[in-house]
Amino acid sequence: MRRVLLFRRLMIGGMAVLGMVLTGLTAVLIGSVSTAQPPDAPARSASLLLEEAAAGGYVLTAIIAFTLGVIVTWLCMKKRERMK
């Protein structure tokens, strides 16, 4: 019982930290995208904008979202196994 409570506390703390990190990274991404657009942006397509500096933020966001999805899926599977 004590191990379960400790595990729950760690999970809640970990999810809180992940939420703060993702919020911070989203703010950084929004800031970098707004400053990375060249002056002639309306004449360019979105794919050309991604070739420049803004693409790194999108890739970082995608990797973090994928990792978070894997972790949540793994936790749900573990919880389901314990309930059986």
Protein backbone atom coordinates (compact mmCIF):
# COMPACT_ATOMS: atom_id res chain seq x y z
CA MET A 1 0.00 0.00 0.00
CA ARG A 2 2.82 2.36 0.85
CA ARG A 3 4.54 1.69 -2.46
CA VAL A 4 1.32 2.46 -4.33
CA LEU A 5 0.97 5.81 -2.56
CA LEU A 6 4.58 6.66 -3.28
CA PHE A 7 4.10 5.70 -6.92
CA ARG A 8 1.00 7.89 -7.19
CA ARG A 9 2.80 10.86 -5.65
CA LEU A 10 5.69 10.44 -8.04
CA MET A 11 3.34 10.20 -11.01
CA ILE A 12 1.40 13.31 -10.02
CA GLY A 13 4.63 15.22 -9.49
CA GLY A 14 6.04 13.98 -12.77
CA MET A 15 2.93 14.97 -14.67
CA ALA A 16 3.02 18.43 -13.08
CA VAL A 17 6.64 18.88 -14.10
CA LEU A 18 5.91 17.67 -17.65
CA GLY A 19 3.01 20.10 -17.87
CA MET A 20 5.21 23.01 -16.84
CA VAL A 21 7.96 22.00 -19.24
CA LEU A 22 5.53 21.66 -22.14
CA THR A 23 3.95 25.01 -21.32
CA GLY A 24 7.37 26.64 -21.28
CA LEU A 25 8.42 25.01 -24.54
CA THR A 26 5.15 26.11 -26.16
CA ALA A 27 5.81 29.69 -25.07
CA VAL A 28 9.33 29.52 -26.49
CA LEU A 29 8.01 28.04 -29.74
CA ILE A 30 5.41 30.76 -30.12
CA GLY A 31 8.04 33.41 -29.47
CA SER A 32 10.49 31.94 -31.95
CA VAL A 33 7.89 31.51 -34.68
CA SER A 34 6.69 35.09 -34.35
CA THR A 35 10.24 36.46 -34.68
CA ALA A 36 11.50 33.98 -37.30
CA GLN A 37 9.25 35.05 -40.17
CA PRO A 38 11.00 37.00 -42.91
CA PRO A 39 9.58 40.37 -44.03
CA ASP A 40 8.20 38.92 -47.27
CA ALA A 41 6.36 36.08 -45.53
CA PRO A 42 2.97 36.54 -47.26
CA ALA A 43 4.58 35.85 -50.66
CA ARG A 44 6.07 32.55 -49.44
CA SER A 45 4.46 29.22 -48.81
CA ALA A 46 4.39 27.47 -45.45
CA SER A 47 6.89 24.85 -46.59
CA LEU A 48 9.50 27.51 -47.28
CA LEU A 49 8.94 28.98 -43.83
CA LEU A 50 9.56 25.56 -42.30
CA GLU A 51 12.90 25.29 -44.08
CA GLU A 52 14.18 28.24 -42.11
CA ALA A 53 14.65 28.63 -38.34
CA ALA A 54 11.08 27.75 -37.29
CA ALA A 55 11.33 24.06 -38.22
CA GLY A 56 13.41 23.16 -35.16
CA GLY A 57 10.64 24.20 -32.80
CA TYR A 58 8.08 22.08 -34.61
CA VAL A 59 10.36 19.05 -34.52
CA LEU A 60 11.05 19.55 -30.81
CA THR A 61 7.34 19.87 -30.06
CA ALA A 62 6.56 16.72 -32.06
CA ILE A 63 9.23 14.69 -30.26
CA ILE A 64 8.02 15.84 -26.84
CA ALA A 65 4.38 15.13 -27.71
CA PHE A 66 5.26 11.65 -29.00
CA THR A 67 7.31 10.86 -25.90
CA LEU A 68 4.53 12.06 -23.63
CA GLY A 69 2.02 9.93 -25.55
CA VAL A 70 4.21 6.85 -25.16
CA ILE A 71 4.58 7.45 -21.42
CA VAL A 72 0.84 7.95 -20.90
CA THR A 73 0.06 4.83 -22.92
CA TRP A 74 2.57 2.80 -20.93
CA LEU A 75 1.12 4.05 -17.64
CA CYS A 76 -2.42 3.18 -18.74
CA MET A 77 -1.31 -0.32 -19.71
CA LYS A 78 0.40 -0.80 -16.34
CA LYS A 79 -2.69 0.40 -14.51
CA ARG A 80 -4.88 -1.96 -16.52
CA GLU A 81 -2.60 -4.91 -15.71
CA ARG A 82 -2.80 -4.13 -12.01
CA MET A 83 -6.59 -3.97 -12.06
CA LYS A 84 -6.89 -7.48 -13.54
